[in-house]
Amino acid sequence: MDFSRFFIDRPIFAAVLSILIFITGLIAIPLLPVSEYPDVVPPSVQVRAEYPGANPKVIAETVATPLEEAINGVENMMYMKSVAGSDGVLVTTVTFRPGTDPDQAQVQVQNRVAQAEARLPE
């Protein structure tokens, strides 16, 4: 008698065995360590700019665009996110790859912002 014939001839046994394996899996899932999501926070640098009296659209066009163009391409940068508020404040967060030296990343971003200052409104 071969292996598959055993389970074909005993469908109730096969169903019970399948349910036991399923329940064992459900019990084991919370016990498994999650190594795909390590407790590592990538370094980030925030750039804050104020343009009093400006609405978010004006801030995005006159402040965010020049800053983002200048900052884009900084070494080890993963992504950048800008948020313009109705209070005239722009916050740009630049996130770097894990392992990047935060001090060096801050200096690089600061240099890029200094290059963009000439294109920013007074």
PDB file of N, CA and C in Angstrom:
ATOM      1  N   MET A   1       0.851  -1.170   0.000  1.00  0.00           N
ATOM      2  CA  MET A   1       0.000   0.000   0.000  1.00  0.00           C
ATOM      3  C   MET A   1       0.900   1.238   0.000  1.00  0.00           C
ATOM      4  N   ASP A   2       0.659   2.110  -0.911  1.00  0.00           N
ATOM      5  CA  ASP A   2       1.493   3.297  -0.988  1.00  0.00           C
ATOM      6  C   ASP A   2       0.934   4.409  -0.080  1.00  0.00           C
ATOM      7  N   PHE A   3       1.718   5.418   0.080  1.00  0.00           N
ATOM      8  CA  PHE A   3       1.430   6.504   1.024  1.00  0.00           C
ATOM      9  C   PHE A   3       0.131   7.234   0.688  1.00  0.00           C
ATOM     10  N   SER A   4      -0.052   7.630  -0.549  1.00  0.00           N
ATOM     11  CA  SER A   4      -1.257   8.374  -0.926  1.00  0.00           C
ATOM     12  C   SER A   4      -2.516   7.519  -0.817  1.00  0.00           C
ATOM     13  N   ARG A   5      -2.435   6.233  -1.136  1.00  0.00           N
ATOM     14  CA  ARG A   5      -3.596   5.342  -1.052  1.00  0.00           C
ATOM     15  C   ARG A   5      -4.092   5.254   0.398  1.00  0.00           C
ATOM     16  N   PHE A   6      -3.151   5.308   1.370  1.00  0.00           N
ATOM     17  CA  PHE A   6      -3.517   5.248   2.790  1.00  0.00           C
ATOM     18  C   PHE A   6      -4.472   6.387   3.156  1.00  0.00           C
ATOM     19  N   PHE A   7      -4.170   7.607   2.700  1.00  0.00           N
ATOM     20  CA  PHE A   7      -5.006   8.760   3.034  1.00  0.00           C
ATOM     21  C   PHE A   7      -6.272   8.813   2.190  1.00  0.00           C
ATOM     22  N   ILE A   8      -6.235   8.296   0.983  1.00  0.00           N
ATOM     23  CA  ILE A   8      -7.442   8.247   0.148  1.00  0.00           C
ATOM     24  C   ILE A   8      -8.460   7.289   0.759  1.00  0.00           C
ATOM     25  N   ASP A   9      -8.000   6.192   1.277  1.00  0.00           N
ATOM     26  CA  ASP A   9      -8.901   5.205   1.885  1.00  0.00           C
ATOM     27  C   ASP A   9      -9.414   5.651   3.252  1.00  0.00           C
ATOM     28  N   ARG A  10      -8.755   6.595   3.897  1.00  0.00           N
ATOM     29  CA  ARG A  10      -9.157   7.049   5.233  1.00  0.00           C
ATOM     30  C   ARG A  10      -9.322   8.575   5.233  1.00  0.00           C
ATOM     31  N   PRO A  11     -10.389   9.104   4.623  1.00  0.00           N
ATOM     32  CA  PRO A  11     -10.558  10.561   4.513  1.00  0.00           C
ATOM     33  C   PRO A  11     -10.766  11.251   5.863  1.00  0.00           C
ATOM     34  N   ILE A  12     -11.400  10.606   6.811  1.00  0.00           N
ATOM     35  CA  ILE A  12     -11.595  11.228   8.123  1.00  0.00           C
ATOM     36  C   ILE A  12     -10.247  11.380   8.829  1.00  0.00           C
ATOM     37  N   PHE A  13      -9.415  10.367   8.763  1.00  0.00           N
ATOM     38  CA  PHE A  13      -8.081  10.449   9.354  1.00  0.00           C
ATOM     39  C   PHE A  13      -7.284  11.587   8.705  1.00  0.00           C
ATOM     40  N   ALA A  14      -7.385  11.702   7.385  1.00  0.00           N
ATOM     41  CA  ALA A  14      -6.664  12.759   6.668  1.00  0.00           C
ATOM     42  C   ALA A  14      -7.165  14.134   7.092  1.00  0.00           C
ATOM     43  N   ALA A  15      -8.486  14.285   7.260  1.00  0.00           N
ATOM     44  CA  ALA A  15      -9.049  15.573   7.668  1.00  0.00           C
ATOM     45  C   ALA A  15      -8.609  15.932   9.086  1.00  0.00           C
ATOM     46  N   VAL A  16      -8.668  14.972  10.005  1.00  0.00           N
ATOM     47  CA  VAL A  16      -8.251  15.227  11.386  1.00  0.00           C
ATOM     48  C   VAL A  16      -6.768  15.588  11.434  1.00  0.00           C
ATOM     49  N   LEU A  17      -5.952  14.883  10.697  1.00  0.00           N
ATOM     50  CA  LEU A  17      -4.520  15.186  10.659  1.00  0.00           C
ATOM     51  C   LEU A  17      -4.277  16.595  10.102  1.00  0.00           C
ATOM     52  N   SER A  18      -5.011  16.973   9.071  1.00  0.00           N
ATOM     53  CA  SER A  18      -4.872  18.315   8.491  1.00  0.00           C
ATOM     54  C   SER A  18      -5.261  19.383   9.504  1.00  0.00           C
ATOM     55  N   ILE A  19      -6.342  19.149  10.239  1.00  0.00           N
ATOM     56  CA  ILE A  19      -6.781  20.121  11.248  1.00  0.00           C
ATOM     57  C   ILE A  19      -5.744  20.235  12.364  1.00  0.00           C
ATOM     58  N   LEU A  20      -5.168  19.124  12.789  1.00  0.00           N
ATOM     59  CA  LEU A  20      -4.133  19.164  13.829  1.00  0.00           C
ATOM     60  C   LEU A  20      -2.898  19.944  13.365  1.00  0.00           C
ATOM     61  N   ILE A  21      -2.498  19.735  12.136  1.00  0.00           N
ATOM     62  CA  ILE A  21      -1.345  20.474  11.594  1.00  0.00           C
ATOM     63  C   ILE A  21      -1.663  21.965  11.529  1.00  0.00           C
ATOM     64  N   PHE A  22      -2.877  22.304  11.121  1.00  0.00           N
ATOM     65  CA  PHE A  22      -3.306  23.702  11.034  1.00  0.00           C
ATOM     66  C   PHE A  22      -3.291  24.354  12.419  1.00  0.00           C
ATOM     67  N   ILE A  23      -3.847  23.681  13.419  1.00  0.00           N
ATOM     68  CA  ILE A  23      -3.886  24.231  14.778  1.00  0.00           C
ATOM     69  C   ILE A  23      -2.471  24.384  15.336  1.00  0.00           C
ATOM     70  N   THR A  24      -1.611  23.417  15.073  1.00  0.00           N
ATOM     71  CA  THR A  24      -0.217  23.521  15.512  1.00  0.00           C
ATOM     72  C   THR A  24       0.452  24.747  14.891  1.00  0.00           C
ATOM     73  N   GLY A  25       0.172  25.003  13.627  1.00  0.00           N
ATOM     74  CA  GLY A  25       0.719  26.184  12.961  1.00  0.00           C
ATOM     75  C   GLY A  25       0.207  27.474  13.575  1.00  0.00           C
ATOM     76  N   LEU A  26      -1.088  27.528  13.888  1.00  0.00           N
ATOM     77  CA  LEU A  26      -1.648  28.726  14.521  1.00  0.00           C
ATOM     78  C   LEU A  26      -1.019  28.990  15.885  1.00  0.00           C
ATOM     79  N   ILE A  27      -0.755  27.926  16.623  1.00  0.00           N
ATOM     80  CA  ILE A  27      -0.127  28.084  17.937  1.00  0.00           C
ATOM     81  C   ILE A  27       1.328  28.529  17.788  1.00  0.00           C
ATOM     82  N   ALA A  28       2.008  28.051  16.765  1.00  0.00           N
ATOM     83  CA  ALA A  28       3.433  28.343  16.592  1.00  0.00           C
ATOM     84  C   ALA A  28       3.701  29.735  16.046  1.00  0.00           C
ATOM     85  N   ILE A  29       2.781  30.313  15.291  1.00  0.00           N
ATOM     86  CA  ILE A  29       3.028  31.613  14.646  1.00  0.00           C
ATOM     87  C   ILE A  29       3.423  32.698  15.651  1.00  0.00           C
ATOM     88  N   PRO A  30       2.675  32.895  16.749  1.00  0.00           N
ATOM     89  CA  PRO A  30       3.095  33.964  17.672  1.00  0.00           C
ATOM     90  C   PRO A  30       4.406  33.673  18.396  1.00  0.00           C
ATOM     91  N   LEU A  31       4.827  32.428  18.413  1.00  0.00           N
ATOM     92  CA  LEU A  31       6.059  32.066  19.113  1.00  0.00           C
ATOM     93  C   LEU A  31       7.306  32.253  18.261  1.00  0.00           C
ATOM     94  N   LEU A  32       7.131  32.406  16.950  1.00  0.00           N
ATOM     95  CA  LEU A  32       8.281  32.560  16.057  1.00  0.00           C
ATOM     96  C   LEU A  32       8.864  33.962  16.180  1.00  0.00           C
ATOM     97  N   PRO A  33      10.189  34.082  16.206  1.00  0.00           N
ATOM     98  CA  PRO A  33      10.788  35.420  16.248  1.00  0.00           C
ATOM     99  C   PRO A  33      10.645  36.106  14.890  1.00  0.00           C
ATOM    100  N   VAL A  34      10.490  37.410  14.930  1.00  0.00           N
ATOM    101  CA  VAL A  34      10.348  38.169  13.697  1.00  0.00           C
ATOM    102  C   VAL A  34      11.689  38.825  13.403  1.00  0.00           C
ATOM    103  N   SER A  35      12.451  38.225  12.518  1.00  0.00           N
ATOM    104  CA  SER A  35      13.762  38.770  12.179  1.00  0.00           C
ATOM    105  C   SER A  35      13.700  39.670  10.951  1.00  0.00           C
ATOM    106  N   GLU A  36      12.554  39.674  10.265  1.00  0.00           N
ATOM    107  CA  GLU A  36      12.440  40.529   9.088  1.00  0.00           C
ATOM    108  C   GLU A  36      12.262  41.994   9.468  1.00  0.00           C
ATOM    109  N   TYR A  37      11.813  42.252  10.676  1.00  0.00           N
ATOM    110  CA  TYR A  37      11.583  43.612  11.128  1.00  0.00           C
ATOM    111  C   TYR A  37      12.452  43.898  12.352  1.00  0.00           C
ATOM    112  N   PRO A  38      13.744  44.078  12.150  1.00  0.00           N
ATOM    113  CA  PRO A  38      14.617  44.319  13.302  1.00  0.00           C
ATOM    114  C   PRO A  38      14.324  45.686  13.920  1.00  0.00           C
ATOM    115  N   ASP A  39      14.714  45.848  15.162  1.00  0.00           N
ATOM    116  CA  ASP A  39      14.505  47.103  15.872  1.00  0.00           C
ATOM    117  C   ASP A  39      15.588  48.106  15.480  1.00  0.00           C
ATOM    118  N   VAL A  40      15.614  48.456  14.224  1.00  0.00           N
ATOM    119  CA  VAL A  40      16.592  49.403  13.710  1.00  0.00           C
ATOM    120  C   VAL A  40      15.837  50.582  13.118  1.00  0.00           C
ATOM    121  N   VAL A  41      16.161  51.750  13.586  1.00  0.00           N
ATOM    122  CA  VAL A  41      15.542  52.953  13.053  1.00  0.00           C
ATOM    123  C   VAL A  41      16.573  53.630  12.158  1.00  0.00           C
ATOM    124  N   PRO A  42      16.249  53.820  10.886  1.00  0.00           N
ATOM    125  CA  PRO A  42      17.229  54.466  10.012  1.00  0.00           C
ATOM    126  C   PRO A  42      17.433  55.921  10.429  1.00  0.00           C
ATOM    127  N   PRO A  43      18.654  56.418  10.301  1.00  0.00           N
ATOM    128  CA  PRO A  43      18.904  57.809  10.672  1.00  0.00           C
ATOM    129  C   PRO A  43      18.159  58.760   9.746  1.00  0.00           C
ATOM    130  N   SER A  44      17.726  59.871  10.307  1.00  0.00           N
ATOM    131  CA  SER A  44      17.025  60.867   9.500  1.00  0.00           C
ATOM    132  C   SER A  44      17.441  62.260   9.944  1.00  0.00           C
ATOM    133  N   VAL A  45      17.300  63.201   9.018  1.00  0.00           N
ATOM    134  CA  VAL A  45      17.624  64.601   9.268  1.00  0.00           C
ATOM    135  C   VAL A  45      16.403  65.414   8.874  1.00  0.00           C
ATOM    136  N   GLN A  46      16.024  66.373   9.727  1.00  0.00           N
ATOM    137  CA  GLN A  46      14.889  67.231   9.414  1.00  0.00           C
ATOM    138  C   GLN A  46      15.377  68.630   9.084  1.00  0.00           C
ATOM    139  N   VAL A  47      14.767  69.194   8.036  1.00  0.00           N
ATOM    140  CA  VAL A  47      15.035  70.573   7.651  1.00  0.00           C
ATOM    141  C   VAL A  47      13.731  71.331   7.850  1.00  0.00           C
ATOM    142  N   ARG A  48      13.789  72.405   8.609  1.00  0.00           N
ATOM    143  CA  ARG A  48      12.584  73.190   8.894  1.00  0.00           C
ATOM    144  C   ARG A  48      12.769  74.579   8.300  1.00  0.00           C
ATOM    145  N   ALA A  49      11.765  75.014   7.549  1.00  0.00           N
ATOM    146  CA  ALA A  49      11.802  76.347   6.944  1.00  0.00           C
ATOM    147  C   ALA A  49      10.483  77.050   7.231  1.00  0.00           C
ATOM    148  N   GLU A  50      10.558  78.350   7.481  1.00  0.00           N
ATOM    149  CA  GLU A  50       9.356  79.135   7.753  1.00  0.00           C
ATOM    150  C   GLU A  50       9.193  80.196   6.677  1.00  0.00           C
ATOM    151  N   TYR A  51       7.953  80.354   6.239  1.00  0.00           N
ATOM    152  CA  TYR A  51       7.592  81.395   5.279  1.00  0.00           C
ATOM    153  C   TYR A  51       6.275  81.976   5.774  1.00  0.00           C
ATOM    154  N   PRO A  52       6.346  82.934   6.715  1.00  0.00           N
ATOM    155  CA  PRO A  52       5.135  83.454   7.355  1.00  0.00           C
ATOM    156  C   PRO A  52       4.149  84.034   6.339  1.00  0.00           C
ATOM    157  N   GLY A  53       2.887  83.705   6.532  1.00  0.00           N
ATOM    158  CA  GLY A  53       1.827  84.236   5.687  1.00  0.00           C
ATOM    159  C   GLY A  53       1.600  83.480   4.397  1.00  0.00           C
ATOM    160  N   ALA A  54       2.401  82.489   4.104  1.00  0.00           N
ATOM    161  CA  ALA A  54       2.255  81.736   2.850  1.00  0.00           C
ATOM    162  C   ALA A  54       1.380  80.510   3.077  1.00  0.00           C
ATOM    163  N   ASN A  55       0.610  80.186   2.049  1.00  0.00           N
ATOM    164  CA  ASN A  55      -0.217  78.975   2.140  1.00  0.00           C
ATOM    165  C   ASN A  55       0.618  77.765   1.714  1.00  0.00           C
ATOM    166  N   PRO A  56       0.131  76.554   1.970  1.00  0.00           N
ATOM    167  CA  PRO A  56       0.929  75.359   1.656  1.00  0.00           C
ATOM    168  C   PRO A  56       1.343  75.247   0.187  1.00  0.00           C
ATOM    169  N   LYS A  57       0.490  75.696  -0.733  1.00  0.00           N
ATOM    170  CA  LYS A  57       0.837  75.597  -2.157  1.00  0.00           C
ATOM    171  C   LYS A  57       2.036  76.488  -2.482  1.00  0.00           C
ATOM    172  N   VAL A  58       2.015  77.711  -1.965  1.00  0.00           N
ATOM    173  CA  VAL A  58       3.126  78.640  -2.208  1.00  0.00           C
ATOM    174  C   VAL A  58       4.409  78.101  -1.576  1.00  0.00           C
ATOM    175  N   ILE A  59       4.293  77.557  -0.380  1.00  0.00           N
ATOM    176  CA  ILE A  59       5.472  76.989   0.287  1.00  0.00           C
ATOM    177  C   ILE A  59       6.038  75.833  -0.532  1.00  0.00           C
ATOM    178  N   ALA A  60       5.150  74.983  -1.045  1.00  0.00           N
ATOM    179  CA  ALA A  60       5.605  73.835  -1.836  1.00  0.00           C
ATOM    180  C   ALA A  60       6.333  74.293  -3.093  1.00  0.00           C
ATOM    181  N   GLU A  61       5.829  75.342  -3.728  1.00  0.00           N
ATOM    182  CA  GLU A  61       6.432  75.803  -4.987  1.00  0.00           C
ATOM    183  C   GLU A  61       7.715  76.598  -4.772  1.00  0.00           C
ATOM    184  N   THR A  62       7.733  77.465  -3.751  1.00  0.00           N
ATOM    185  CA  THR A  62       8.866  78.383  -3.607  1.00  0.00           C
ATOM    186  C   THR A  62       9.931  77.925  -2.615  1.00  0.00           C
ATOM    187  N   VAL A  63       9.544  77.072  -1.663  1.00  0.00           N
ATOM    188  CA  VAL A  63      10.507  76.644  -0.648  1.00  0.00           C
ATOM    189  C   VAL A  63      10.846  75.162  -0.788  1.00  0.00           C
ATOM    190  N   ALA A  64       9.815  74.325  -0.851  1.00  0.00           N
ATOM    191  CA  ALA A  64      10.055  72.875  -0.869  1.00  0.00           C
ATOM    192  C   ALA A  64      10.782  72.431  -2.129  1.00  0.00           C
ATOM    193  N   THR A  65      10.359  72.937  -3.274  1.00  0.00           N
ATOM    194  CA  THR A  65      10.963  72.493  -4.534  1.00  0.00           C
ATOM    195  C   THR A  65      12.465  72.778  -4.593  1.00  0.00           C
ATOM    196  N   PRO A  66      12.919  74.012  -4.313  1.00  0.00           N
ATOM    197  CA  PRO A  66      14.376  74.238  -4.342  1.00  0.00           C
ATOM    198  C   PRO A  66      15.137  73.401  -3.311  1.00  0.00           C
ATOM    199  N   LEU A  67      14.553  73.243  -2.116  1.00  0.00           N
ATOM    200  CA  LEU A  67      15.227  72.434  -1.099  1.00  0.00           C
ATOM    201  C   LEU A  67      15.314  70.973  -1.523  1.00  0.00           C
ATOM    202  N   GLU A  68      14.212  70.434  -2.017  1.00  0.00           N
ATOM    203  CA  GLU A  68      14.211  69.027  -2.427  1.00  0.00           C
ATOM    204  C   GLU A  68      15.163  68.781  -3.587  1.00  0.00           C
ATOM    205  N   GLU A  69      15.210  69.716  -4.542  1.00  0.00           N
ATOM    206  CA  GLU A  69      16.128  69.561  -5.672  1.00  0.00           C
ATOM    207  C   GLU A  69      17.580  69.579  -5.200  1.00  0.00           C
ATOM    208  N   ALA A  70      17.877  70.417  -4.215  1.00  0.00           N
ATOM    209  CA  ALA A  70      19.253  70.509  -3.715  1.00  0.00           C
ATOM    210  C   ALA A  70      19.618  69.293  -2.866  1.00  0.00           C
ATOM    211  N   ILE A  71      18.681  68.844  -2.031  1.00  0.00           N
ATOM    212  CA  ILE A  71      18.972  67.734  -1.114  1.00  0.00           C
ATOM    213  C   ILE A  71      18.989  66.396  -1.841  1.00  0.00           C
ATOM    214  N   ASN A  72      18.191  66.269  -2.883  1.00  0.00           N
ATOM    215  CA  ASN A  72      18.085  64.997  -3.606  1.00  0.00           C
ATOM    216  C   ASN A  72      19.461  64.546  -4.097  1.00  0.00           C
ATOM    217  N   GLY A  73      19.789  63.297  -3.827  1.00  0.00           N
ATOM    218  CA  GLY A  73      21.065  62.749  -4.267  1.00  0.00           C
ATOM    219  C   GLY A  73      22.137  62.740  -3.197  1.00  0.00           C
ATOM    220  N   VAL A  74      21.780  63.150  -1.972  1.00  0.00           N
ATOM    221  CA  VAL A  74      22.754  63.074  -0.881  1.00  0.00           C
ATOM    222  C   VAL A  74      23.142  61.609  -0.696  1.00  0.00           C
ATOM    223  N   GLU A  75      24.396  61.379  -0.391  1.00  0.00           N
ATOM    224  CA  GLU A  75      24.915  60.018  -0.258  1.00  0.00           C
ATOM    225  C   GLU A  75      24.131  59.214   0.787  1.00  0.00           C
ATOM    226  N   ASN A  76      23.760  57.992   0.433  1.00  0.00           N
ATOM    227  CA  ASN A  76      23.041  57.035   1.285  1.00  0.00           C
ATOM    228  C   ASN A  76      21.602  57.434   1.602  1.00  0.00           C
ATOM    229  N   MET A  77      21.047  58.392   0.875  1.00  0.00           N
ATOM    230  CA  MET A  77      19.664  58.787   1.120  1.00  0.00           C
ATOM    231  C   MET A  77      18.718  57.717   0.581  1.00  0.00           C
ATOM    232  N   MET A  78      17.710  57.337   1.388  1.00  0.00           N
ATOM    233  CA  MET A  78      16.701  56.376   0.928  1.00  0.00           C
ATOM    234  C   MET A  78      15.503  57.119   0.346  1.00  0.00           C
ATOM    235  N   TYR A  79      14.949  58.045   1.127  1.00  0.00           N
ATOM    236  CA  TYR A  79      13.799  58.804   0.646  1.00  0.00           C
ATOM    237  C   TYR A  79      13.685  60.113   1.412  1.00  0.00           C
ATOM    238  N   MET A  80      12.805  60.981   0.901  1.00  0.00           N
ATOM    239  CA  MET A  80      12.616  62.299   1.475  1.00  0.00           C
ATOM    240  C   MET A  80      11.119  62.578   1.516  1.00  0.00           C
ATOM    241  N   LYS A  81      10.669  63.259   2.576  1.00  0.00           N
ATOM    242  CA  LYS A  81       9.249  63.577   2.730  1.00  0.00           C
ATOM    243  C   LYS A  81       9.132  65.019   3.192  1.00  0.00           C
ATOM    244  N   SER A  82       8.293  65.788   2.506  1.00  0.00           N
ATOM    245  CA  SER A  82       8.079  67.183   2.880  1.00  0.00           C
ATOM    246  C   SER A  82       6.622  67.392   3.257  1.00  0.00           C
ATOM    247  N   VAL A  83       6.418  68.191   4.309  1.00  0.00           N
ATOM    248  CA  VAL A  83       5.071  68.533   4.759  1.00  0.00           C
ATOM    249  C   VAL A  83       5.014  70.041   4.935  1.00  0.00           C
ATOM    250  N   ALA A  84       4.101  70.680   4.187  1.00  0.00           N
ATOM    251  CA  ALA A  84       3.908  72.121   4.286  1.00  0.00           C
ATOM    252  C   ALA A  84       2.608  72.376   5.034  1.00  0.00           C
ATOM    253  N   GLY A  85       2.683  73.189   6.074  1.00  0.00           N
ATOM    254  CA  GLY A  85       1.504  73.474   6.876  1.00  0.00           C
ATOM    255  C   GLY A  85       0.901  74.816   6.528  1.00  0.00           C
ATOM    256  N   SER A  86      -0.332  75.014   6.975  1.00  0.00           N
ATOM    257  CA  SER A  86      -1.019  76.273   6.707  1.00  0.00           C
ATOM    258  C   SER A  86      -0.473  77.401   7.576  1.00  0.00           C
ATOM    259  N   ASP A  87       0.387  77.074   8.528  1.00  0.00           N
ATOM    260  CA  ASP A  87       0.993  78.088   9.383  1.00  0.00           C
ATOM    261  C   ASP A  87       2.291  78.650   8.799  1.00  0.00           C
ATOM    262  N   GLY A  88       2.604  78.284   7.563  1.00  0.00           N
ATOM    263  CA  GLY A  88       3.787  78.807   6.898  1.00  0.00           C
ATOM    264  C   GLY A  88       5.063  78.055   7.215  1.00  0.00           C
ATOM    265  N   VAL A  89       4.936  76.823   7.672  1.00  0.00           N
ATOM    266  CA  VAL A  89       6.109  76.031   8.054  1.00  0.00           C
ATOM    267  C   VAL A  89       6.244  74.830   7.126  1.00  0.00           C
ATOM    268  N   LEU A  90       7.453  74.593   6.673  1.00  0.00           N
ATOM    269  CA  LEU A  90       7.775  73.420   5.864  1.00  0.00           C
ATOM    270  C   LEU A  90       8.747  72.555   6.661  1.00  0.00           C
ATOM    271  N   VAL A  91       8.437  71.265   6.755  1.00  0.00           N
ATOM    272  CA  VAL A  91       9.342  70.318   7.406  1.00  0.00           C
ATOM    273  C   VAL A  91       9.676  69.236   6.387  1.00  0.00           C
ATOM    274  N   THR A  92      10.940  69.126   6.053  1.00  0.00           N
ATOM    275  CA  THR A  92      11.415  68.102   5.130  1.00  0.00           C
ATOM    276  C   THR A  92      12.245  67.108   5.929  1.00  0.00           C
ATOM    277  N   THR A  93      11.853  65.843   5.857  1.00  0.00           N
ATOM    278  CA  THR A  93      12.569  64.787   6.562  1.00  0.00           C
ATOM    279  C   THR A  93      13.310  63.938   5.542  1.00  0.00           C
ATOM    280  N   VAL A  94      14.615  63.835   5.696  1.00  0.00           N
ATOM    281  CA  VAL A  94      15.454  63.038   4.808  1.00  0.00           C
ATOM    282  C   VAL A  94      15.868  61.788   5.581  1.00  0.00           C
ATOM    283  N   THR A  95      15.521  60.621   5.053  1.00  0.00           N
ATOM    284  CA  THR A  95      15.823  59.358   5.722  1.00  0.00           C
ATOM    285  C   THR A  95      16.961  58.662   4.991  1.00  0.00           C
ATOM    286  N   PHE A  96      17.919  58.167   5.774  1.00  0.00           N
ATOM    287  CA  PHE A  96      19.113  57.537   5.222  1.00  0.00           C
ATOM    288  C   PHE A  96      19.111  56.037   5.488  1.00  0.00           C
ATOM    289  N   ARG A  97      19.969  55.332   4.771  1.00  0.00           N
ATOM    290  CA  ARG A  97      20.092  53.880   4.967  1.00  0.00           C
ATOM    291  C   ARG A  97      20.611  53.595   6.374  1.00  0.00           C
ATOM    292  N   PRO A  98      20.155  52.475   6.974  1.00  0.00           N
ATOM    293  CA  PRO A  98      20.699  52.102   8.282  1.00  0.00           C
ATOM    294  C   PRO A  98      22.216  51.930   8.196  1.00  0.00           C
ATOM    295  N   GLY A  99      22.894  52.378   9.220  1.00  0.00           N
ATOM    296  CA  GLY A  99      24.349  52.298   9.241  1.00  0.00           C
ATOM    297  C   GLY A  99      25.024  53.579   8.806  1.00  0.00           C
ATOM    298  N   THR A 100      24.261  54.513   8.257  1.00  0.00           N
ATOM    299  CA  THR A 100      24.830  55.796   7.854  1.00  0.00           C
ATOM    300  C   THR A 100      25.142  56.616   9.103  1.00  0.00           C
ATOM    301  N   ASP A 101      26.293  57.267   9.099  1.00  0.00           N
ATOM    302  CA  ASP A 101      26.677  58.116  10.223  1.00  0.00           C
ATOM    303  C   ASP A 101      25.746  59.331  10.264  1.00  0.00           C
ATOM    304  N   PRO A 102      24.961  59.504  11.338  1.00  0.00           N
ATOM    305  CA  PRO A 102      24.010  60.614  11.390  1.00  0.00           C
ATOM    306  C   PRO A 102      24.677  61.984  11.338  1.00  0.00           C
ATOM    307  N   ASP A 103      25.859  62.112  11.931  1.00  0.00           N
ATOM    308  CA  ASP A 103      26.549  63.402  11.915  1.00  0.00           C
ATOM    309  C   ASP A 103      26.980  63.777  10.501  1.00  0.00           C
ATOM    310  N   GLN A 104      27.504  62.798   9.782  1.00  0.00           N
ATOM    311  CA  GLN A 104      27.924  63.058   8.409  1.00  0.00           C
ATOM    312  C   GLN A 104      26.711  63.359   7.529  1.00  0.00           C
ATOM    313  N   ALA A 105      25.622  62.650   7.748  1.00  0.00           N
ATOM    314  CA  ALA A 105      24.401  62.897   6.977  1.00  0.00           C
ATOM    315  C   ALA A 105      23.891  64.309   7.235  1.00  0.00           C
ATOM    316  N   GLN A 106      23.946  64.739   8.481  1.00  0.00           N
ATOM    317  CA  GLN A 106      23.487  66.084   8.827  1.00  0.00           C
ATOM    318  C   GLN A 106      24.347  67.144   8.156  1.00  0.00           C
ATOM    319  N   VAL A 107      25.646  66.925   8.124  1.00  0.00           N
ATOM    320  CA  VAL A 107      26.555  67.879   7.480  1.00  0.00           C
ATOM    321  C   VAL A 107      26.285  67.941   5.978  1.00  0.00           C
ATOM    322  N   GLN A 108      26.077  66.791   5.353  1.00  0.00           N
ATOM    323  CA  GLN A 108      25.801  66.772   3.914  1.00  0.00           C
ATOM    324  C   GLN A 108      24.501  67.507   3.593  1.00  0.00           C
ATOM    325  N   VAL A 109      23.469  67.264   4.390  1.00  0.00           N
ATOM    326  CA  VAL A 109      22.191  67.947   4.158  1.00  0.00           C
ATOM    327  C   VAL A 109      22.352  69.438   4.401  1.00  0.00           C
ATOM    328  N   GLN A 110      23.072  69.805   5.440  1.00  0.00           N
ATOM    329  CA  GLN A 110      23.290  71.217   5.738  1.00  0.00           C
ATOM    330  C   GLN A 110      24.026  71.911   4.586  1.00  0.00           C
ATOM    331  N   ASN A 111      25.011  71.250   3.995  1.00  0.00           N
ATOM    332  CA  ASN A 111      25.727  71.821   2.852  1.00  0.00           C
ATOM    333  C   ASN A 111      24.798  72.005   1.658  1.00  0.00           C
ATOM    334  N   ARG A 112      23.938  71.027   1.413  1.00  0.00           N
ATOM    335  CA  ARG A 112      22.998  71.133   0.294  1.00  0.00           C
ATOM    336  C   ARG A 112      21.987  72.254   0.529  1.00  0.00           C
ATOM    337  N   VAL A 113      21.527  72.408   1.764  1.00  0.00           N
ATOM    338  CA  VAL A 113      20.583  73.487   2.082  1.00  0.00           C
ATOM    339  C   VAL A 113      21.265  74.836   1.888  1.00  0.00           C
ATOM    340  N   ALA A 114      22.520  74.940   2.274  1.00  0.00           N
ATOM    341  CA  ALA A 114      23.261  76.193   2.088  1.00  0.00           C
ATOM    342  C   ALA A 114      23.375  76.542   0.609  1.00  0.00           C
ATOM    343  N   GLN A 115      23.535  75.536  -0.247  1.00  0.00           N
ATOM    344  CA  GLN A 115      23.592  75.782  -1.689  1.00  0.00           C
ATOM    345  C   GLN A 115      22.252  76.282  -2.218  1.00  0.00           C
ATOM    346  N   ALA A 116      21.157  75.829  -1.612  1.00  0.00           N
ATOM    347  CA  ALA A 116      19.824  76.192  -2.099  1.00  0.00           C
ATOM    348  C   ALA A 116      19.331  77.519  -1.539  1.00  0.00           C
ATOM    349  N   GLU A 117      20.000  78.079  -0.546  1.00  0.00           N
ATOM    350  CA  GLU A 117      19.514  79.301   0.101  1.00  0.00           C
ATOM    351  C   GLU A 117      19.363  80.465  -0.869  1.00  0.00           C
ATOM    352  N   ALA A 118      20.193  80.539  -1.878  1.00  0.00           N
ATOM    353  CA  ALA A 118      20.102  81.644  -2.839  1.00  0.00           C
ATOM    354  C   ALA A 118      18.801  81.593  -3.632  1.00  0.00           C
ATOM    355  N   ARG A 119      18.221  80.411  -3.789  1.00  0.00           N
ATOM    356  CA  ARG A 119      16.982  80.274  -4.567  1.00  0.00           C
ATOM    357  C   ARG A 119      15.727  80.378  -3.702  1.00  0.00           C
ATOM    358  N   LEU A 120      15.898  80.527  -2.391  1.00  0.00           N
ATOM    359  CA  LEU A 120      14.749  80.606  -1.485  1.00  0.00           C
ATOM    360  C   LEU A 120      14.292  82.053  -1.325  1.00  0.00           C
ATOM    361  N   PRO A 121      13.002  82.258  -1.044  1.00  0.00           N
ATOM    362  CA  PRO A 121      12.521  83.627  -0.814  1.00  0.00           C
ATOM    363  C   PRO A 121      13.075  84.180   0.498  1.00  0.00           C
ATOM    364  N   GLU A 122      13.110  85.476   0.600  1.00  0.00           N
ATOM    365  CA  GLU A 122      13.663  86.137   1.795  1.00  0.00           C
ATOM    366  C   GLU A 122      12.854  85.845   3.015  1.00  0.00           C
TER     367      GLU A 122
END
